[in-house]
Amino acid sequence: MAGVGRYAKITARPGTGDELAEMLLGVAGGLQDSPGCRLYVINRTPGEADVVWVTELWRSQEDLEAALDSDEARAGMPAVLELVEPGGFERIDVEPIGGVGYPVGATGHAIVNLEDVEDMAPKFGFGDVGEARFARAALGAVATGLSLQRMAPGARQAFGHEHGIDEEIYVVIEGSGQVAIDDEVHPVGKLDAIRVAPGSTRAFEAGPDGLEILATGGHRPDDARMQMGYWPDEPAA
């Protein structure tokens, strides 16, 4: 089954562009777990408050039609159409053939022992904190990151970081400690899994037995932003 792409330009009734955009963002939210939906992005045209664009990418035409035929889609469609200017809907159908984020027909595999991946912590002056072994390149992965991080007892990461797009999941393999996420600090222990949304700043601190975690998530070049010395203020006694 060939992939399906669509670009839709929707012109709202005068003064309702914001309302239409919010409604379409709600539609996008409802497609998070829709089978075959690869991309559904709502865009605005600068300087044209009542023009909204939708960029879609689907695994197949069948998946697209199934989503449109869902009870949720049929229930929400009248409210969306009520905001559209008469004749204000234009659509271009395309057939995706490949590119960044769309590795059509890719096959292959790689097996790497994480102990064989270079420890980058000493190279950046953080050897006293522990180890940081980033395996994405060694695995030949394009869109997925993976790292093994070991922290010495009582050590705290020297910086927090957040992402623009990439979501991450951390799994505690051994030891215990704390994770700071935005303004909160949470205790973590063995086999705890921690999901962190892209825009949330996060950092770890090891307990008395140290802390070993696996981190994985999406990967996009230059998506991470560092914040040196990040850690939430301790609550007053």
C-alpha atoms as a PDB file:
ATOM      1  CA  MET A   1       0.000   0.000   0.000  1.00  0.00           C
ATOM      2  CA  ALA A   2       1.425   3.361  -1.030  1.00  0.00           C
ATOM      3  CA  GLY A   3       1.600   6.225   1.459  1.00  0.00           C
ATOM      4  CA  VAL A   4      -0.860   9.087   1.120  1.00  0.00           C
ATOM      5  CA  GLY A   5      -0.147  12.774   1.650  1.00  0.00           C
ATOM      6  CA  ARG A   6      -2.470  15.777   1.549  1.00  0.00           C
ATOM      7  CA  TYR A   7      -2.236  19.533   1.889  1.00  0.00           C
ATOM      8  CA  ALA A   8      -5.455  21.370   2.676  1.00  0.00           C
ATOM      9  CA  LYS A   9      -5.924  25.140   2.678  1.00  0.00           C
ATOM     10  CA  ILE A  10      -8.974  26.176   4.694  1.00  0.00           C
ATOM     11  CA  THR A  11     -10.274  29.723   4.748  1.00  0.00           C
ATOM     12  CA  ALA A  12     -12.397  30.477   7.780  1.00  0.00           C
ATOM     13  CA  ARG A  13     -15.313  32.839   7.945  1.00  0.00           C
ATOM     14  CA  PRO A  14     -14.055  36.339   8.775  1.00  0.00           C
ATOM     15  CA  GLY A  15     -12.816  36.598  12.342  1.00  0.00           C
ATOM     16  CA  THR A  16     -13.025  32.844  13.100  1.00  0.00           C
ATOM     17  CA  GLY A  17      -9.519  31.761  12.082  1.00  0.00           C
ATOM     18  CA  ASP A  18      -8.358  31.250  15.671  1.00  0.00           C
ATOM     19  CA  GLU A  19     -11.439  29.222  16.518  1.00  0.00           C
ATOM     20  CA  LEU A  20     -10.981  27.042  13.439  1.00  0.00           C
ATOM     21  CA  ALA A  21      -7.312  26.477  14.209  1.00  0.00           C
ATOM     22  CA  GLU A  22      -8.108  25.411  17.786  1.00  0.00           C
ATOM     23  CA  MET A  23     -10.807  23.062  16.547  1.00  0.00           C
ATOM     24  CA  LEU A  24      -8.432  21.464  14.044  1.00  0.00           C
ATOM     25  CA  LEU A  25      -5.793  21.081  16.758  1.00  0.00           C
ATOM     26  CA  GLY A  26      -8.450  19.123  18.647  1.00  0.00           C
ATOM     27  CA  VAL A  27      -8.917  16.928  15.578  1.00  0.00           C
ATOM     28  CA  ALA A  28      -5.151  16.353  15.483  1.00  0.00           C
ATOM     29  CA  GLY A  29      -5.185  15.377  19.164  1.00  0.00           C
ATOM     30  CA  GLY A  30      -7.856  12.797  18.449  1.00  0.00           C
ATOM     31  CA  LEU A  31      -5.627  11.207  15.809  1.00  0.00           C
ATOM     32  CA  GLN A  32      -2.726  10.497  18.183  1.00  0.00           C
ATOM     33  CA  ASP A  33      -3.514   6.786  18.279  1.00  0.00           C
ATOM     34  CA  SER A  34      -5.243   6.510  14.915  1.00  0.00           C
ATOM     35  CA  PRO A  35      -3.770   3.592  12.929  1.00  0.00           C
ATOM     36  CA  GLY A  36      -1.724   4.749   9.979  1.00  0.00           C
ATOM     37  CA  CYS A  37      -1.619   8.473  10.809  1.00  0.00           C
ATOM     38  CA  ARG A  38       2.033   9.505  10.354  1.00  0.00           C
ATOM     39  CA  LEU A  39       1.591  13.273  10.398  1.00  0.00           C
ATOM     40  CA  TYR A  40      -1.270  15.728  10.937  1.00  0.00           C
ATOM     41  CA  VAL A  41       0.021  19.256  11.434  1.00  0.00           C
ATOM     42  CA  ILE A  42      -1.998  22.461  11.689  1.00  0.00           C
ATOM     43  CA  ASN A  43      -0.324  25.538  10.181  1.00  0.00           C
ATOM     44  CA  ARG A  44      -1.160  29.246   9.988  1.00  0.00           C
ATOM     45  CA  THR A  45      -0.401  31.634   7.140  1.00  0.00           C
ATOM     46  CA  PRO A  46       1.495  34.686   8.455  1.00  0.00           C
ATOM     47  CA  GLY A  47      -0.526  37.825   7.877  1.00  0.00           C
ATOM     48  CA  GLU A  48      -3.703  35.906   6.987  1.00  0.00           C
ATOM     49  CA  ALA A  49      -5.557  35.378  10.251  1.00  0.00           C
ATOM     50  CA  ASP A  50      -8.388  33.413   8.691  1.00  0.00           C
ATOM     51  CA  VAL A  51      -6.304  30.949   6.659  1.00  0.00           C
ATOM     52  CA  VAL A  52      -5.393  27.560   8.153  1.00  0.00           C
ATOM     53  CA  TRP A  53      -3.384  24.801   6.470  1.00  0.00           C
ATOM     54  CA  VAL A  54      -3.415  21.096   7.313  1.00  0.00           C
ATOM     55  CA  THR A  55      -0.491  18.853   6.361  1.00  0.00           C
ATOM     56  CA  GLU A  56      -1.284  15.122   6.430  1.00  0.00           C
ATOM     57  CA  LEU A  57       0.695  11.917   5.935  1.00  0.00           C
ATOM     58  CA  TRP A  58      -0.970   8.507   6.109  1.00  0.00           C
ATOM     59  CA  ARG A  59       0.242   4.944   5.716  1.00  0.00           C
ATOM     60  CA  SER A  60      -2.516   4.199   3.207  1.00  0.00           C
ATOM     61  CA  GLN A  61      -5.743   5.502   1.701  1.00  0.00           C
ATOM     62  CA  GLU A  62      -7.596   2.824   3.661  1.00  0.00           C
ATOM     63  CA  ASP A  63      -6.252   4.162   6.971  1.00  0.00           C
ATOM     64  CA  LEU A  64      -7.212   7.710   6.016  1.00  0.00           C
ATOM     65  CA  GLU A  65     -10.761   6.728   5.087  1.00  0.00           C
ATOM     66  CA  ALA A  66     -11.177   4.674   8.261  1.00  0.00           C
ATOM     67  CA  ALA A  67     -10.196   7.696  10.370  1.00  0.00           C
ATOM     68  CA  LEU A  68     -12.644   9.951   8.518  1.00  0.00           C
ATOM     69  CA  ASP A  69     -15.385   7.380   9.038  1.00  0.00           C
ATOM     70  CA  SER A  70     -14.877   7.142  12.801  1.00  0.00           C
ATOM     71  CA  ASP A  71     -17.662   8.218  15.149  1.00  0.00           C
ATOM     72  CA  GLU A  72     -15.455  10.979  16.565  1.00  0.00           C
ATOM     73  CA  ALA A  73     -14.663  12.419  13.120  1.00  0.00           C
ATOM     74  CA  ARG A  74     -18.283  12.371  11.973  1.00  0.00           C
ATOM     75  CA  ALA A  75     -19.431  13.999  15.216  1.00  0.00           C
ATOM     76  CA  GLY A  76     -16.923  16.855  14.953  1.00  0.00           C
ATOM     77  CA  MET A  77     -17.203  17.574  11.221  1.00  0.00           C
ATOM     78  CA  PRO A  78     -20.352  19.790  11.290  1.00  0.00           C
ATOM     79  CA  ALA A  79     -18.778  22.211  13.786  1.00  0.00           C
ATOM     80  CA  VAL A  80     -15.637  22.499  11.646  1.00  0.00           C
ATOM     81  CA  LEU A  81     -17.574  23.056   8.422  1.00  0.00           C
ATOM     82  CA  GLU A  82     -19.675  25.749  10.082  1.00  0.00           C
ATOM     83  CA  LEU A  83     -16.539  27.873  10.450  1.00  0.00           C
ATOM     84  CA  VAL A  84     -15.376  27.479   6.840  1.00  0.00           C
ATOM     85  CA  GLU A  85     -16.017  30.245   4.329  1.00  0.00           C
ATOM     86  CA  PRO A  86     -18.200  29.055   1.400  1.00  0.00           C
ATOM     87  CA  GLY A  87     -15.768  27.742  -1.201  1.00  0.00           C
ATOM     88  CA  GLY A  88     -12.967  28.087   1.318  1.00  0.00           C
ATOM     89  CA  PHE A  89     -11.597  24.558   1.135  1.00  0.00           C
ATOM     90  CA  GLU A  90      -8.764  23.613  -1.235  1.00  0.00           C
ATOM     91  CA  ARG A  91      -6.842  20.318  -1.192  1.00  0.00           C
ATOM     92  CA  ILE A  92      -3.836  18.867  -2.971  1.00  0.00           C
ATOM     93  CA  ASP A  93      -3.286  15.095  -2.863  1.00  0.00           C
ATOM     94  CA  VAL A  94       0.298  13.829  -3.141  1.00  0.00           C
ATOM     95  CA  GLU A  95       2.114  10.496  -3.002  1.00  0.00           C
ATOM     96  CA  PRO A  96       5.078  10.545  -0.579  1.00  0.00           C
ATOM     97  CA  ILE A  97       8.201   8.889  -1.965  1.00  0.00           C
ATOM     98  CA  GLY A  98      10.720   9.362   0.869  1.00  0.00           C
ATOM     99  CA  GLY A  99      12.850  11.882   2.731  1.00  0.00           C
ATOM    100  CA  VAL A 100      13.774  12.913   6.266  1.00  0.00           C
ATOM    101  CA  GLY A 101      11.428  11.205   8.722  1.00  0.00           C
ATOM    102  CA  TYR A 102       9.926   8.951   6.047  1.00  0.00           C
ATOM    103  CA  PRO A 103      12.276   5.986   5.390  1.00  0.00           C
ATOM    104  CA  VAL A 104      10.059   4.134   2.912  1.00  0.00           C
ATOM    105  CA  GLY A 105      10.905   0.449   2.607  1.00  0.00           C
ATOM    106  CA  ALA A 106      13.928   0.631   4.894  1.00  0.00           C
ATOM    107  CA  THR A 107      15.197  -2.736   6.152  1.00  0.00           C
ATOM    108  CA  GLY A 108      18.126  -3.905   8.227  1.00  0.00           C
ATOM    109  CA  HIS A 109      19.247  -4.269  11.813  1.00  0.00           C
ATOM    110  CA  ALA A 110      22.181  -3.750  14.195  1.00  0.00           C
ATOM    111  CA  ILE A 111      23.298  -5.314  17.472  1.00  0.00           C
ATOM    112  CA  VAL A 112      25.618  -3.337  19.739  1.00  0.00           C
ATOM    113  CA  ASN A 113      26.745  -4.016  23.293  1.00  0.00           C
ATOM    114  CA  LEU A 114      26.387  -0.771  25.207  1.00  0.00           C
ATOM    115  CA  GLU A 115      29.636  -1.407  27.106  1.00  0.00           C
ATOM    116  CA  ASP A 116      31.413  -1.126  23.738  1.00  0.00           C
ATOM    117  CA  VAL A 117      29.970   2.338  23.044  1.00  0.00           C
ATOM    118  CA  GLU A 118      32.353   5.188  23.882  1.00  0.00           C
ATOM    119  CA  ASP A 119      31.779   6.894  27.226  1.00  0.00           C
ATOM    120  CA  MET A 120      31.415  10.564  26.332  1.00  0.00           C
ATOM    121  CA  ALA A 121      31.302  11.939  29.893  1.00  0.00           C
ATOM    122  CA  PRO A 122      35.087  12.366  30.370  1.00  0.00           C
ATOM    123  CA  LYS A 123      35.437  14.009  26.957  1.00  0.00           C
ATOM    124  CA  PHE A 124      33.109  16.826  28.090  1.00  0.00           C
ATOM    125  CA  GLY A 125      34.509  17.144  31.601  1.00  0.00           C
ATOM    126  CA  PHE A 126      31.797  15.190  33.412  1.00  0.00           C
ATOM    127  CA  GLY A 127      33.738  12.017  34.217  1.00  0.00           C
ATOM    128  CA  ASP A 128      33.301  12.613  37.946  1.00  0.00           C
ATOM    129  CA  VAL A 129      29.519  12.454  37.520  1.00  0.00           C
ATOM    130  CA  GLY A 130      29.526   9.050  35.812  1.00  0.00           C
ATOM    131  CA  GLU A 131      29.216   7.560  32.338  1.00  0.00           C
ATOM    132  CA  ALA A 132      27.232   8.566  29.261  1.00  0.00           C
ATOM    133  CA  ARG A 133      27.206   6.123  26.343  1.00  0.00           C
ATOM    134  CA  PHE A 134      25.163   7.312  23.337  1.00  0.00           C
ATOM    135  CA  ALA A 135      24.408   4.399  21.018  1.00  0.00           C
ATOM    136  CA  ARG A 136      22.351   5.917  18.193  1.00  0.00           C
ATOM    137  CA  ALA A 137      25.230   6.313  15.739  1.00  0.00           C
ATOM    138  CA  ALA A 138      26.720   2.917  16.611  1.00  0.00           C
ATOM    139  CA  LEU A 139      23.340   1.317  15.885  1.00  0.00           C
ATOM    140  CA  GLY A 140      22.922   3.260  12.656  1.00  0.00           C
ATOM    141  CA  ALA A 141      19.582   4.601  13.920  1.00  0.00           C
ATOM    142  CA  VAL A 142      18.126   7.610  12.150  1.00  0.00           C
ATOM    143  CA  ALA A 143      15.099   8.747  14.131  1.00  0.00           C
ATOM    144  CA  THR A 144      15.615   7.007  17.495  1.00  0.00           C
ATOM    145  CA  GLY A 145      18.084   7.850  20.227  1.00  0.00           C
ATOM    146  CA  LEU A 146      19.381   5.497  22.943  1.00  0.00           C
ATOM    147  CA  SER A 147      21.846   6.078  25.747  1.00  0.00           C
ATOM    148  CA  LEU A 148      23.141   4.291  28.833  1.00  0.00           C
ATOM    149  CA  GLN A 149      23.862   6.654  31.703  1.00  0.00           C
ATOM    150  CA  ARG A 150      25.533   5.656  34.970  1.00  0.00           C
ATOM    151  CA  MET A 151      25.821   8.159  37.778  1.00  0.00           C
ATOM    152  CA  ALA A 152      28.144   7.952  40.780  1.00  0.00           C
ATOM    153  CA  PRO A 153      26.593   7.810  44.268  1.00  0.00           C
ATOM    154  CA  GLY A 154      25.208  11.219  45.227  1.00  0.00           C
ATOM    155  CA  ALA A 155      26.102  12.785  41.867  1.00  0.00           C
ATOM    156  CA  ARG A 156      23.792  15.245  40.146  1.00  0.00           C
ATOM    157  CA  GLN A 157      23.831  15.986  36.429  1.00  0.00           C
ATOM    158  CA  ALA A 158      25.553  19.303  35.761  1.00  0.00           C
ATOM    159  CA  PHE A 159      22.800  20.488  33.436  1.00  0.00           C
ATOM    160  CA  GLY A 160      19.179  19.925  32.617  1.00  0.00           C
ATOM    161  CA  HIS A 161      17.860  19.778  29.094  1.00  0.00           C
ATOM    162  CA  GLU A 162      14.648  20.004  27.115  1.00  0.00           C
ATOM    163  CA  HIS A 163      13.686  19.337  23.499  1.00  0.00           C
ATOM    164  CA  GLY A 164      11.775  21.127  20.798  1.00  0.00           C
ATOM    165  CA  ILE A 165      10.054  18.022  19.435  1.00  0.00           C
ATOM    166  CA  ASP A 166      11.546  14.803  20.815  1.00  0.00           C
ATOM    167  CA  GLU A 167       9.745  12.911  23.569  1.00  0.00           C
ATOM    168  CA  GLU A 168      11.941  10.751  25.816  1.00  0.00           C
ATOM    169  CA  ILE A 169      11.480   7.784  28.146  1.00  0.00           C
ATOM    170  CA  TYR A 170      13.969   6.892  30.873  1.00  0.00           C
ATOM    171  CA  VAL A 171      14.085   3.499  32.595  1.00  0.00           C
ATOM    172  CA  VAL A 172      15.980   3.000  35.873  1.00  0.00           C
ATOM    173  CA  ILE A 173      18.054  -0.176  35.526  1.00  0.00           C
ATOM    174  CA  GLU A 174      19.888  -0.114  38.849  1.00  0.00           C
ATOM    175  CA  GLY A 175      20.119   2.079  41.915  1.00  0.00           C
ATOM    176  CA  SER A 176      17.866   4.923  42.922  1.00  0.00           C
ATOM    177  CA  GLY A 177      17.754   8.682  43.076  1.00  0.00           C
ATOM    178  CA  GLN A 178      15.655  11.629  41.987  1.00  0.00           C
ATOM    179  CA  VAL A 179      14.531  13.173  38.737  1.00  0.00           C
ATOM    180  CA  ALA A 180      13.777  16.869  38.461  1.00  0.00           C
ATOM    181  CA  ILE A 181      11.173  17.783  35.852  1.00  0.00           C
ATOM    182  CA  ASP A 182      10.365  21.473  35.496  1.00  0.00           C
ATOM    183  CA  ASP A 183       9.578  22.657  39.049  1.00  0.00           C
ATOM    184  CA  GLU A 184       9.114  19.235  40.662  1.00  0.00           C
ATOM    185  CA  VAL A 185      11.450  16.573  42.045  1.00  0.00           C
ATOM    186  CA  HIS A 186      10.389  12.904  42.126  1.00  0.00           C
ATOM    187  CA  PRO A 187      12.066   9.860  43.723  1.00  0.00           C
ATOM    188  CA  VAL A 188      12.871   7.046  41.291  1.00  0.00           C
ATOM    189  CA  GLY A 189      13.967   3.437  41.747  1.00  0.00           C
ATOM    190  CA  LYS A 190      14.697   0.256  39.866  1.00  0.00           C
ATOM    191  CA  LEU A 191      12.446  -0.357  36.835  1.00  0.00           C
ATOM    192  CA  ASP A 192      10.683   2.978  37.155  1.00  0.00           C
ATOM    193  CA  ALA A 193       9.899   4.329  33.676  1.00  0.00           C
ATOM    194  CA  ILE A 194       9.733   8.109  33.296  1.00  0.00           C
ATOM    195  CA  ARG A 195       8.220   9.782  30.229  1.00  0.00           C
ATOM    196  CA  VAL A 196       9.179  13.409  29.700  1.00  0.00           C
ATOM    197  CA  ALA A 197       7.422  15.626  27.169  1.00  0.00           C
ATOM    198  CA  PRO A 198       9.649  17.638  24.802  1.00  0.00           C
ATOM    199  CA  GLY A 199       9.291  21.056  26.412  1.00  0.00           C
ATOM    200  CA  SER A 200       9.898  19.953  30.011  1.00  0.00           C
ATOM    201  CA  THR A 201      13.364  20.464  31.482  1.00  0.00           C
ATOM    202  CA  ARG A 202      14.770  17.379  33.204  1.00  0.00           C
ATOM    203  CA  ALA A 203      17.857  16.217  35.130  1.00  0.00           C
ATOM    204  CA  PHE A 204      18.773  13.291  37.412  1.00  0.00           C
ATOM    205  CA  GLU A 205      20.470  12.956  40.773  1.00  0.00           C
ATOM    206  CA  ALA A 206      21.807   9.637  42.055  1.00  0.00           C
ATOM    207  CA  GLY A 207      21.095   8.182  45.478  1.00  0.00           C
ATOM    208  CA  PRO A 208      23.654   6.563  47.808  1.00  0.00           C
ATOM    209  CA  ASP A 209      23.959   3.468  45.604  1.00  0.00           C
ATOM    210  CA  GLY A 210      24.332   5.358  42.340  1.00  0.00           C
ATOM    211  CA  LEU A 211      21.890   5.442  39.442  1.00  0.00           C
ATOM    212  CA  GLU A 212      21.880   3.615  36.114  1.00  0.00           C
ATOM    213  CA  ILE A 213      19.319   4.518  33.458  1.00  0.00           C
ATOM    214  CA  LEU A 214      18.502   3.793  29.839  1.00  0.00           C
ATOM    215  CA  ALA A 215      17.175   6.761  27.886  1.00  0.00           C
ATOM    216  CA  THR A 216      15.379   6.457  24.573  1.00  0.00           C
ATOM    217  CA  GLY A 217      13.176   8.594  22.368  1.00  0.00           C
ATOM    218  CA  GLY A 218      12.926  10.353  19.053  1.00  0.00           C
ATOM    219  CA  HIS A 219      16.020  11.940  17.559  1.00  0.00           C
ATOM    220  CA  ARG A 220      16.268  15.115  15.528  1.00  0.00           C
ATOM    221  CA  PRO A 221      19.540  17.002  15.027  1.00  0.00           C
ATOM    222  CA  ASP A 222      20.043  19.988  17.354  1.00  0.00           C
ATOM    223  CA  ASP A 223      16.678  19.428  19.034  1.00  0.00           C
ATOM    224  CA  ALA A 224      18.050  19.526  22.605  1.00  0.00           C
ATOM    225  CA  ARG A 225      18.574  22.732  24.597  1.00  0.00           C
ATOM    226  CA  MET A 226      20.844  22.639  27.655  1.00  0.00           C
ATOM    227  CA  GLN A 227      20.379  24.560  30.915  1.00  0.00           C
ATOM    228  CA  MET A 228      23.542  24.537  33.013  1.00  0.00           C
ATOM    229  CA  GLY A 229      23.082  24.223  36.760  1.00  0.00           C
ATOM    230  CA  TYR A 230      19.395  23.406  36.476  1.00  0.00           C
ATOM    231  CA  TRP A 231      17.669  22.039  39.573  1.00  0.00           C
ATOM    232  CA  PRO A 232      14.411  23.229  41.205  1.00  0.00           C
ATOM    233  CA  ASP A 233      14.739  25.271  44.373  1.00  0.00           C
ATOM    234  CA  GLU A 234      14.519  23.215  47.529  1.00  0.00           C
ATOM    235  CA  PRO A 235      11.302  23.886  49.498  1.00  0.00           C
ATOM    236  CA  ALA A 236      11.739  26.040  52.560  1.00  0.00           C
ATOM    237  CA  ALA A 237      11.978  24.121  55.835  1.00  0.00           C
END
